[in-house]
Protein backbone atom coordinates (compact mmCIF):
# COMPACT_ATOMS: atom_id res chain seq x y z
CA MET A 1 -5.62 -108.77 -85.41
CA ALA A 2 -2.50 -109.60 -83.44
CA THR A 3 -0.26 -112.44 -84.56
CA HIS A 4 3.24 -113.75 -84.01
CA ILE A 5 6.00 -112.93 -86.46
CA LYS A 6 6.38 -115.81 -88.91
CA GLU A 7 9.70 -117.56 -88.95
CA LYS A 8 10.66 -116.84 -92.53
CA LYS A 9 13.32 -114.79 -94.23
CA ARG A 10 12.20 -111.22 -94.71
CA LEU A 11 13.69 -108.64 -97.01
CA LEU A 12 15.29 -106.66 -94.21
CA SER A 13 16.02 -103.65 -96.40
CA LEU A 14 12.32 -103.36 -97.27
CA ASP A 15 11.33 -103.40 -93.58
CA PHE A 16 14.01 -100.78 -92.92
CA PHE A 17 12.90 -98.58 -95.82
CA ARG A 18 9.26 -98.87 -94.75
CA GLY A 19 10.19 -98.07 -91.15
CA PHE A 20 12.28 -95.07 -92.19
CA THR A 21 9.34 -93.77 -94.21
CA VAL A 22 6.88 -94.23 -91.34
CA VAL A 23 9.23 -92.52 -88.88
CA ALA A 24 9.39 -89.56 -91.26
CA MET A 25 5.59 -89.62 -91.57
CA ILE A 26 5.08 -89.55 -87.80
CA LEU A 27 7.71 -86.81 -87.44
CA VAL A 28 6.15 -84.40 -89.95
CA ASN A 29 2.59 -85.10 -88.77
CA ASN A 30 3.28 -84.25 -85.13
CA PRO A 31 5.29 -81.03 -84.72
CA GLY A 32 5.26 -79.41 -81.32
CA ASP A 33 3.94 -76.20 -82.90
CA TRP A 34 2.39 -76.01 -86.37
CA GLY A 35 3.43 -72.37 -86.56
CA HIS A 36 7.13 -73.16 -86.32
CA ILE A 37 8.23 -75.88 -88.73
CA TYR A 38 11.51 -76.11 -90.62
CA ALA A 39 10.94 -75.81 -94.38
CA PRO A 40 12.02 -79.38 -95.31
CA LEU A 41 9.39 -80.70 -92.86
CA GLU A 42 6.56 -78.87 -94.62
CA HIS A 43 4.76 -79.68 -97.86
CA ALA A 44 5.33 -77.51 -100.91
CA GLU A 45 2.67 -74.81 -101.06
CA TRP A 46 1.52 -76.11 -104.46
CA ASN A 47 3.94 -76.99 -107.28
CA GLY A 48 7.33 -78.35 -106.30
CA CYS A 49 8.54 -81.06 -103.94
CA THR A 50 10.04 -80.96 -100.46
CA PRO A 51 11.43 -83.99 -98.56
CA THR A 52 8.06 -84.19 -96.80
CA ASP A 53 6.29 -84.54 -100.15
CA LEU A 54 8.26 -87.74 -100.79
CA ILE A 55 6.96 -89.62 -97.75
CA PHE A 56 3.53 -90.74 -98.98
CA PRO A 57 4.67 -91.81 -102.49
CA PHE A 58 7.56 -93.70 -100.91
CA PHE A 59 5.04 -95.59 -98.79
CA LEU A 60 2.82 -96.44 -101.78
CA PHE A 61 5.94 -97.51 -103.68
CA ILE A 62 6.75 -99.84 -100.76
CA VAL A 63 3.18 -101.18 -100.88
CA GLY A 64 3.85 -102.17 -104.48
CA VAL A 65 7.14 -103.90 -103.66
CA SER A 66 5.48 -105.70 -100.74
CA ILE A 67 2.67 -106.98 -102.98
CA VAL A 68 5.25 -108.81 -105.08
CA TYR A 69 6.77 -110.53 -102.06
CA ALA A 70 3.40 -111.31 -100.46
CA LEU A 71 1.45 -112.52 -103.49
CA SER A 72 3.93 -114.03 -105.94
CA GLY A 73 3.12 -117.58 -104.84
CA GLU A 74 -0.61 -116.99 -105.10
CA LYS A 75 -0.15 -115.38 -108.52
CA GLU A 76 1.27 -118.63 -109.87
CA ASP A 77 -1.58 -120.72 -108.43
CA LEU A 78 -4.39 -119.96 -110.88
CA ALA A 79 -6.87 -122.21 -109.09
CA HIS A 80 -6.75 -120.09 -105.95
CA HIS A 81 -7.03 -116.63 -107.52
CA SER A 82 -10.62 -116.15 -106.32
CA LYS A 83 -9.57 -116.92 -102.75
CA VAL A 84 -6.68 -114.46 -103.03
CA PHE A 85 -9.00 -111.77 -104.38
CA LEU A 86 -11.27 -112.21 -101.35
CA SER A 87 -8.25 -111.86 -99.05
CA VAL A 88 -7.10 -108.71 -100.87
CA ILE A 89 -10.62 -107.20 -100.74
CA LYS A 90 -10.87 -107.98 -97.02
CA ARG A 91 -7.56 -106.30 -96.26
CA ALA A 92 -8.45 -103.27 -98.38
CA ALA A 93 -11.81 -103.01 -96.61
CA ILE A 94 -10.12 -103.06 -93.20
CA LEU A 95 -7.69 -100.32 -94.25
CA PHE A 96 -10.54 -98.25 -95.67
CA ALA A 97 -12.56 -98.68 -92.45
CA LEU A 98 -9.55 -97.63 -90.36
CA GLY A 99 -9.20 -94.53 -92.54
CA LEU A 100 -12.84 -93.58 -91.99
CA LEU A 101 -12.54 -94.28 -88.26
CA LEU A 102 -9.50 -91.99 -88.07
CA SER A 103 -11.47 -89.28 -89.89
CA LEU A 104 -14.49 -89.73 -87.61
CA PHE A 105 -12.54 -89.68 -84.35
CA PRO A 106 -13.28 -88.15 -81.88
CA TYR A 107 -16.69 -86.64 -82.70
CA PHE A 108 -18.08 -89.29 -85.07
CA ASN A 109 -20.04 -86.75 -87.06
CA PHE A 110 -20.92 -88.69 -90.21
CA SER A 111 -22.41 -85.61 -91.88
CA VAL A 112 -18.98 -84.00 -92.27
CA VAL A 113 -16.59 -86.97 -92.17
CA ARG A 114 -13.73 -86.69 -94.66
CA ILE A 115 -13.94 -89.69 -96.98
CA PRO A 116 -10.65 -89.30 -98.90
CA GLY A 117 -7.53 -89.62 -96.77
CA VAL A 118 -4.18 -91.35 -96.37
CA LEU A 119 -5.43 -94.75 -95.20
CA THR A 120 -8.40 -94.77 -97.56
CA ARG A 121 -6.05 -94.01 -100.46
CA ILE A 122 -3.70 -96.79 -99.36
CA ALA A 123 -6.69 -99.15 -99.25
CA VAL A 124 -7.90 -98.33 -102.76
CA VAL A 125 -4.40 -98.31 -104.26
CA TYR A 126 -3.56 -101.64 -102.60
CA LEU A 127 -6.79 -103.22 -103.86
CA ILE A 128 -6.33 -102.14 -107.47
CA THR A 129 -2.58 -102.81 -107.60
CA ALA A 130 -2.83 -106.26 -106.00
CA ILE A 131 -5.52 -107.35 -108.47
CA LEU A 132 -3.52 -106.02 -111.42
CA PHE A 133 -0.41 -107.84 -110.17
CA ILE A 134 -2.24 -111.16 -109.82
CA LYS A 135 -3.88 -110.99 -113.26
CA PHE A 136 -1.15 -109.57 -115.51
CA ASP A 137 2.48 -110.20 -116.34
CA GLU A 138 5.34 -107.74 -116.06
CA LYS A 139 5.09 -106.37 -119.62
CA ILE A 140 1.39 -105.61 -119.31
CA LEU A 141 1.89 -104.05 -115.87
CA PHE A 142 4.50 -101.72 -117.36
CA LYS A 143 2.10 -100.72 -120.13
CA ILE A 144 -0.64 -100.05 -117.56
CA PHE A 145 1.82 -97.94 -115.54
CA ILE A 146 2.72 -95.80 -118.54
CA GLY A 147 -0.91 -95.66 -119.66
CA LEU A 148 -2.12 -94.35 -116.30
CA LEU A 149 0.45 -91.54 -116.33
CA LEU A 150 -0.37 -90.50 -119.89
CA ILE A 151 -4.16 -90.73 -119.48
CA TYR A 152 -4.06 -88.68 -116.27
CA TRP A 153 -1.88 -86.02 -117.90
CA LEU A 154 -4.22 -85.74 -120.88
CA MET A 155 -7.34 -85.62 -118.70
CA MET A 156 -5.95 -82.90 -116.46
CA THR A 157 -4.59 -80.74 -119.27
CA LEU A 158 -7.11 -81.22 -122.09
CA ILE A 159 -10.57 -81.74 -120.57
CA PRO A 160 -12.42 -78.46 -119.86
CA VAL A 161 -13.55 -78.25 -116.25
CA PRO A 162 -17.36 -77.96 -115.89
CA GLY A 163 -18.28 -74.56 -114.52
CA VAL A 164 -14.84 -73.20 -115.38
CA GLY A 165 -14.75 -73.79 -119.11
CA PHE A 166 -11.08 -74.61 -119.61
CA PRO A 167 -8.56 -77.18 -118.30
CA ASN A 168 -6.26 -75.91 -115.54
CA LEU A 169 -4.11 -77.07 -112.66
CA GLU A 170 -5.15 -74.61 -109.95
CA PRO A 171 -6.20 -75.89 -106.49
CA GLU A 172 -9.96 -75.23 -106.61
CA THR A 173 -10.66 -75.24 -110.33
CA ASN A 174 -8.86 -78.30 -111.72
CA LEU A 175 -10.76 -81.36 -112.97
CA GLY A 176 -9.92 -83.43 -109.89
CA ALA A 177 -11.26 -80.79 -107.52
CA TRP A 178 -14.49 -80.54 -109.52
CA LEU A 179 -14.92 -84.33 -109.42
CA ASP A 180 -14.34 -84.47 -105.66
CA ARG A 181 -16.92 -81.78 -105.00
CA THR A 182 -19.36 -83.56 -107.30
CA VAL A 183 -18.91 -87.03 -105.83
CA PHE A 184 -18.18 -86.36 -102.15
CA THR A 185 -19.68 -82.85 -101.78
CA GLU A 186 -17.73 -80.20 -99.88
CA ALA A 187 -18.84 -81.60 -96.52
CA HIS A 188 -16.71 -84.72 -96.99
CA LEU A 189 -13.48 -83.17 -98.27
CA TRP A 190 -10.27 -82.02 -96.59
CA VAL A 191 -11.23 -79.69 -93.75
CA SER A 192 -8.49 -77.20 -94.63
CA SER A 193 -10.03 -76.46 -98.01
CA LYS A 194 -13.52 -78.02 -98.38
CA THR A 195 -13.22 -77.34 -102.12
CA TRP A 196 -10.55 -79.92 -103.06
CA ASP A 197 -8.72 -82.83 -101.47
CA PRO A 198 -5.04 -83.84 -101.72
CA GLU A 199 -6.13 -87.50 -101.66
CA GLY A 200 -8.95 -86.98 -104.12
CA LEU A 201 -10.67 -89.43 -106.43
CA LEU A 202 -9.09 -88.67 -109.81
CA SER A 203 -5.53 -88.47 -108.49
CA THR A 204 -5.92 -92.04 -107.26
CA LEU A 205 -5.15 -93.11 -110.85
CA PRO A 206 -1.53 -91.89 -110.79
CA ALA A 207 -1.25 -93.03 -107.15
CA VAL A 208 -1.89 -96.54 -108.45
CA GLY A 209 0.94 -95.78 -110.87
CA THR A 210 3.23 -95.14 -107.91
CA ALA A 211 2.38 -98.55 -106.45
CA LEU A 212 2.83 -100.19 -109.86
CA PHE A 213 6.28 -98.63 -110.02
CA GLY A 214 6.96 -100.45 -106.75
CA VAL A 215 5.61 -103.70 -108.21
CA LEU A 216 7.97 -103.42 -111.19
CA ILE A 217 10.91 -102.78 -108.88
CA GLY A 218 9.79 -105.63 -106.64
CA LEU A 219 9.78 -108.02 -109.62
CA THR A 220 13.37 -107.01 -110.37
CA LEU A 221 14.41 -107.54 -106.75
CA LYS A 222 12.72 -110.93 -106.51
CA SER A 223 14.10 -112.23 -109.79
CA LYS A 224 16.08 -115.45 -109.37
CA GLN A 225 17.84 -114.92 -112.68
CA ARG A 226 19.63 -111.76 -111.56
CA SER A 227 22.65 -111.43 -109.28
CA ASP A 228 22.55 -109.01 -106.36
CA GLU A 229 24.91 -106.67 -108.18
CA ASN A 230 22.71 -106.76 -111.27
CA LYS A 231 19.60 -106.00 -109.22
CA VAL A 232 21.20 -103.00 -107.54
CA ALA A 233 22.55 -101.68 -110.84
CA TRP A 234 19.14 -101.89 -112.50
CA LEU A 235 17.31 -100.32 -109.53
CA PHE A 236 19.68 -97.36 -109.70
CA THR A 237 19.31 -97.21 -113.49
CA TYR A 238 15.51 -97.26 -113.33
CA GLY A 239 15.64 -94.67 -110.55
CA ILE A 240 17.87 -92.28 -112.48
CA ILE A 241 15.80 -92.59 -115.65
CA ALA A 242 12.52 -92.03 -113.79
CA THR A 243 13.84 -89.10 -111.77
CA LEU A 244 15.20 -87.35 -114.85
CA GLY A 245 11.99 -88.19 -116.71
CA GLY A 246 9.99 -86.59 -113.93
CA LEU A 247 12.08 -83.43 -114.09
CA VAL A 248 11.60 -83.21 -117.85
CA PHE A 249 7.86 -83.93 -117.56
CA ASP A 250 7.72 -81.17 -114.93
CA LEU A 251 8.19 -78.65 -117.75
CA ILE A 252 4.70 -79.43 -119.11
CA PHE A 253 2.98 -81.10 -116.12
CA PRO A 254 4.43 -79.65 -112.90
CA ILE A 255 5.56 -81.87 -110.05
CA ASN A 256 2.73 -81.53 -107.54
CA LYS A 257 1.87 -83.81 -104.62
CA SER A 258 -1.69 -82.55 -104.12
CA LEU A 259 -2.52 -83.33 -107.76
CA TRP A 260 -0.22 -86.40 -107.72
CA THR A 261 0.90 -85.43 -111.20
CA SER A 262 2.54 -87.91 -113.56
CA SER A 263 5.84 -86.03 -113.25
CA TYR A 264 5.55 -86.40 -109.47
CA VAL A 265 5.04 -90.17 -109.85
CA LEU A 266 8.20 -90.49 -111.93
CA TYR A 267 10.29 -88.15 -109.78
CA SER A 268 9.31 -89.64 -106.40
CA GLY A 269 9.34 -93.20 -107.73
CA GLY A 270 12.81 -92.74 -109.15
CA LEU A 271 14.12 -91.47 -105.82
CA ALA A 272 12.38 -94.34 -104.01
CA SER A 273 13.98 -96.87 -106.36
CA MET A 274 17.45 -95.47 -105.71
CA GLY A 275 16.76 -95.31 -101.98
CA LEU A 276 15.67 -98.95 -101.86
CA ALA A 277 18.63 -99.99 -104.01
CA LEU A 278 21.02 -98.38 -101.53
CA CYS A 279 19.25 -100.04 -98.58
CA TYR A 280 19.24 -103.44 -100.32
CA TRP A 281 22.94 -103.26 -101.13
CA LEU A 282 24.01 -102.15 -97.66
CA ILE A 283 21.65 -104.28 -95.58
CA ASP A 284 20.75 -107.48 -97.47
CA VAL A 285 23.88 -107.83 -99.59
CA GLN A 286 26.66 -106.36 -97.44
CA GLY A 287 25.04 -107.28 -94.13
CA PHE A 288 25.34 -103.80 -92.61
CA THR A 289 22.61 -104.00 -89.97
CA LEU A 290 24.07 -101.92 -87.13
CA LEU A 291 21.50 -99.11 -87.38
CA THR A 292 18.61 -100.99 -88.93
CA LYS A 293 16.74 -102.40 -85.92
CA PRO A 294 14.90 -99.24 -84.75
CA PHE A 295 13.53 -98.68 -88.25
CA VAL A 296 12.70 -102.35 -88.77
CA ILE A 297 10.71 -102.21 -85.52
CA TYR A 298 8.74 -99.32 -86.98
CA GLY A 299 8.45 -100.99 -90.38
CA ILE A 300 6.80 -104.25 -89.31
CA ASN A 301 3.97 -102.39 -87.56
CA ALA A 302 3.71 -99.46 -89.95
CA ILE A 303 -0.08 -99.18 -90.25
CA THR A 304 -0.51 -99.74 -86.52
CA VAL A 305 1.71 -96.84 -85.53
CA PHE A 306 0.26 -94.52 -88.16
CA PHE A 307 -3.30 -95.18 -87.05
CA ALA A 308 -2.66 -95.26 -83.30
CA SER A 309 -0.44 -92.18 -83.30
CA GLY A 310 -3.22 -90.22 -84.99
CA ILE A 311 -5.73 -91.37 -82.38
CA ILE A 312 -3.41 -90.55 -79.47
CA ALA A 313 -2.48 -87.11 -80.80
CA ARG A 314 -6.15 -86.17 -81.20
CA SER A 315 -7.01 -87.59 -77.79
CA MET A 316 -4.37 -85.39 -76.16
CA ASN A 317 -6.02 -82.36 -77.76
CA LEU A 318 -9.34 -83.33 -76.17
CA ILE A 319 -7.99 -83.18 -72.62
CA HIS A 320 -7.76 -79.66 -71.17
CA VAL A 321 -5.65 -78.60 -68.21
CA SER A 322 -4.75 -75.31 -66.53
CA LEU A 323 -1.46 -73.59 -67.24
CA ASN A 324 -0.62 -70.19 -65.75
CA GLY A 325 -4.29 -69.40 -65.33
CA GLU A 326 -5.16 -70.40 -68.89
CA THR A 327 -6.82 -73.54 -70.21
CA VAL A 328 -4.70 -75.49 -72.68
CA THR A 329 -4.78 -78.96 -74.20
CA LEU A 330 -2.76 -81.75 -72.61
CA LYS A 331 -0.47 -81.74 -75.65
CA GLY A 332 -0.03 -77.99 -75.28
CA TRP A 333 0.72 -78.38 -71.59
CA PHE A 334 3.50 -80.91 -72.25
CA TYR A 335 4.92 -78.71 -74.97
CA GLU A 336 4.95 -75.57 -72.81
CA GLN A 337 6.40 -77.41 -69.82
CA PHE A 338 9.15 -79.45 -71.43
CA PHE A 339 10.14 -77.79 -74.70
CA THR A 340 9.46 -74.07 -75.09
CA PRO A 341 11.51 -73.04 -72.02
CA TYR A 342 14.62 -74.79 -73.31
CA PHE A 343 14.67 -74.36 -77.10
CA SER A 344 14.12 -71.74 -79.77
CA PRO A 345 10.60 -71.93 -81.29
CA TYR A 346 11.64 -73.99 -84.32
CA ASN A 347 13.90 -76.31 -82.32
CA ALA A 348 11.22 -76.73 -79.66
CA SER A 349 8.74 -77.77 -82.32
CA LEU A 350 11.22 -80.25 -83.79
CA ALA A 351 12.14 -81.61 -80.35
CA GLY A 352 8.46 -82.20 -79.61
CA ALA A 353 8.07 -84.18 -82.85
CA ILE A 354 11.20 -86.24 -82.19
CA THR A 355 9.98 -87.02 -78.66
CA PHE A 356 6.68 -88.27 -80.07
CA VAL A 357 8.61 -90.55 -82.44
CA LEU A 358 10.75 -91.90 -79.58
CA ILE A 359 7.74 -92.60 -77.36
CA TRP A 360 6.22 -94.68 -80.12
CA TYR A 361 9.52 -96.46 -80.63
CA VAL A 362 9.40 -97.66 -77.02
CA ILE A 363 5.85 -98.97 -77.54
CA LEU A 364 6.75 -100.71 -80.80
CA TRP A 365 9.94 -102.13 -79.28
CA MET A 366 7.90 -103.82 -76.55
CA MET A 367 5.63 -105.28 -79.23
CA TYR A 368 8.68 -106.45 -81.15
CA GLN A 369 10.14 -108.12 -78.07
CA LYS A 370 6.93 -110.15 -77.80
CA ASN A 371 7.06 -110.99 -81.53
CA ILE A 372 3.72 -109.29 -82.22
CA ILE A 373 2.56 -107.76 -85.47
CA ILE A 374 -0.88 -106.21 -85.69
CA LYS A 375 -1.99 -106.88 -89.23
CA ALA A 376 -4.45 -104.63 -91.00
């Protein structure tokens, strides 16, 4: 629902970091031409990590940090835990429903709707992480974080895959892919494969680990016993240790976004920690806010723009118009009219994506001017 922005001090660097991540997400999800994309704006084919592969874990990391700032007061009030749980479940249910709605749109064919997805993963990860944060202290949360990474690694590398006979990390024959086909059936998986899903069920375990990493960083940031300099130093330290740990772990459990491997959690979480540390130091400590506003505007309505941009992009592909005697989608018409005549194929594709981001900035700026946040 729509609400007015509360008059309270926000962690501006977190809004900026969230907004920067969402801008990157919108940019890579909406190229002018899927056949012409610069390499950093594409996902790694399987193992490995491109800048694009960092976007989703950065967002889940931010979810974890945000949980600390949103629920710390409720965590201390033991008498109201049941009420908080109901609020968390409600929010997770709304996010999950939005994810299914995005998958169903525009044809609403329930027989083939993709159940896993970005928003549905955010919903499940938020639900589990928020409950863990409310119930356990920092030391136990750290143990759960490490435990999830180790258990997932052992499951993926030691448990023989039914029907295959041995553990492996290949796209269609790994344990996670088998579980997704068993639980969801192929009709409800990622349309590009139908045999596995990059937001599958089993890989939700390490995805929770990514959010827990954010919780642990959020607890450091929110600590009243630490100075700003101390917080920044420790965020960089944790980030360096995790990133190096991920690179070492990569030797036995490859960094892989689609599998959300434990090495990927450490590597991406470490980079996110260092990124947030830099933002916190520059924005909240040093007061450097000259370039922050556009990203903050994106950050305070992050879920709104992600959901709505997906709906609009698909709607434009439903509308067909004539161009030079051929029938093309409305999106294709705009692209052919305003971009391809003036740029090389790769630059035209990038210019189309940037234009989409700017259009949404105008919409979000108008919402910001009216002090409106649409909460999911």
